[in-house]
Amino acid sequence: MQLARNLAVTNLIVAAMDTADYPCTVGFPFAFKEGELRRYYEGWERVKYNEDVGELHRHRRQR
């Protein structure tokens, strides 16, 4: 991925996580394990990285 990207581009990734403390219960086809995405980006300059617990976007009818 590093070789294919434009050097002036910033990657912003928001992704589902599946961890022991917070298992992914939504039917996503894929969810990262704890630390998995960080390992994929080893050697890259990271401006910010976190695996904070957040809230998924909800449609009005789901509230």
C-alpha atoms as a PDB file:
ATOM      1  CA  MET A   1       0.000   0.000   0.000  1.00  0.00           C
ATOM      2  CA  GLN A   2       2.845   2.405   0.747  1.00  0.00           C
ATOM      3  CA  LEU A   3       4.268   2.029  -2.754  1.00  0.00           C
ATOM      4  CA  ALA A   4       0.889   2.622  -4.417  1.00  0.00           C
ATOM      5  CA  ARG A   5      -0.166   5.767  -2.593  1.00  0.00           C
ATOM      6  CA  ASN A   6       0.470   9.401  -3.511  1.00  0.00           C
ATOM      7  CA  LEU A   7       2.890  10.971  -1.013  1.00  0.00           C
ATOM      8  CA  ALA A   8       0.630  14.019  -0.603  1.00  0.00           C
ATOM      9  CA  VAL A   9      -2.366  11.944   0.487  1.00  0.00           C
ATOM     10  CA  THR A  10      -3.556  11.375   4.039  1.00  0.00           C
ATOM     11  CA  ASN A  11      -5.398   8.150   4.847  1.00  0.00           C
ATOM     12  CA  LEU A  12      -8.358   8.503   7.196  1.00  0.00           C
ATOM     13  CA  ILE A  13      -9.734   5.181   8.347  1.00  0.00           C
ATOM     14  CA  VAL A  14     -12.789   4.691  10.522  1.00  0.00           C
ATOM     15  CA  ALA A  15     -13.469   1.014  11.000  1.00  0.00           C
ATOM     16  CA  ALA A  16     -15.380  -1.463  13.110  1.00  0.00           C
ATOM     17  CA  MET A  17     -13.426  -3.198  15.864  1.00  0.00           C
ATOM     18  CA  ASP A  18     -13.965  -6.627  17.390  1.00  0.00           C
ATOM     19  CA  THR A  19     -12.214  -6.953  20.764  1.00  0.00           C
ATOM     20  CA  ALA A  20     -12.671  -9.036  23.898  1.00  0.00           C
ATOM     21  CA  ASP A  21     -14.053  -6.035  25.811  1.00  0.00           C
ATOM     22  CA  TYR A  22     -16.175  -4.747  22.908  1.00  0.00           C
ATOM     23  CA  PRO A  23     -17.181  -7.545  20.534  1.00  0.00           C
ATOM     24  CA  CYS A  24     -18.626  -6.424  17.207  1.00  0.00           C
ATOM     25  CA  THR A  25     -22.282  -7.470  17.245  1.00  0.00           C
ATOM     26  CA  VAL A  26     -23.230  -5.714  14.004  1.00  0.00           C
ATOM     27  CA  GLY A  27     -23.216  -7.730  10.777  1.00  0.00           C
ATOM     28  CA  PHE A  28     -20.113  -6.150   9.245  1.00  0.00           C
ATOM     29  CA  PRO A  29     -18.286  -8.430   6.803  1.00  0.00           C
ATOM     30  CA  PHE A  30     -15.019  -7.465   8.531  1.00  0.00           C
ATOM     31  CA  ALA A  31     -13.887  -5.922  11.827  1.00  0.00           C
ATOM     32  CA  PHE A  32     -10.308  -5.283  12.975  1.00  0.00           C
ATOM     33  CA  LYS A  33      -8.916  -7.038  16.030  1.00  0.00           C
ATOM     34  CA  GLU A  34      -7.172  -4.997  18.722  1.00  0.00           C
ATOM     35  CA  GLY A  35      -3.909  -3.532  17.333  1.00  0.00           C
ATOM     36  CA  GLU A  36      -4.386  -5.105  13.889  1.00  0.00           C
ATOM     37  CA  LEU A  37      -4.670  -1.883  11.882  1.00  0.00           C
ATOM     38  CA  ARG A  38      -1.710  -0.340  13.740  1.00  0.00           C
ATOM     39  CA  ARG A  39       0.436  -3.315  12.668  1.00  0.00           C
ATOM     40  CA  TYR A  40      -0.569  -2.832   9.011  1.00  0.00           C
ATOM     41  CA  TYR A  41       0.708   0.750   9.204  1.00  0.00           C
ATOM     42  CA  GLU A  42       4.040   0.009  10.931  1.00  0.00           C
ATOM     43  CA  GLY A  43       6.686   2.312   9.494  1.00  0.00           C
ATOM     44  CA  TRP A  44       4.167   4.929   8.349  1.00  0.00           C
ATOM     45  CA  GLU A  45       4.012   8.416   9.809  1.00  0.00           C
ATOM     46  CA  ARG A  46       0.839   8.549  11.917  1.00  0.00           C
ATOM     47  CA  VAL A  47      -0.614  11.948  12.734  1.00  0.00           C
ATOM     48  CA  LYS A  48      -3.180  10.401  15.065  1.00  0.00           C
ATOM     49  CA  TYR A  49      -4.158   6.839  15.874  1.00  0.00           C
ATOM     50  CA  ASN A  50      -6.591   5.508  18.411  1.00  0.00           C
ATOM     51  CA  GLU A  51      -8.913   2.614  19.038  1.00  0.00           C
ATOM     52  CA  ASP A  52     -11.352   4.604  21.150  1.00  0.00           C
ATOM     53  CA  VAL A  53     -14.836   3.255  21.687  1.00  0.00           C
ATOM     54  CA  GLY A  54     -17.337   5.254  19.675  1.00  0.00           C
ATOM     55  CA  GLU A  55     -20.919   5.060  18.515  1.00  0.00           C
ATOM     56  CA  LEU A  56     -21.993   3.847  15.114  1.00  0.00           C
ATOM     57  CA  HIS A  57     -24.083   6.099  12.899  1.00  0.00           C
ATOM     58  CA  ARG A  58     -27.754   5.374  13.478  1.00  0.00           C
ATOM     59  CA  HIS A  59     -30.661   6.066  11.184  1.00  0.00           C
ATOM     60  CA  ARG A  60     -33.547   8.023  12.652  1.00  0.00           C
ATOM     61  CA  ARG A  61     -35.782   4.930  12.750  1.00  0.00           C
ATOM     62  CA  GLN A  62     -33.172   3.043  14.853  1.00  0.00           C
ATOM     63  CA  ARG A  63     -33.180   5.587  17.709  1.00  0.00           C
END
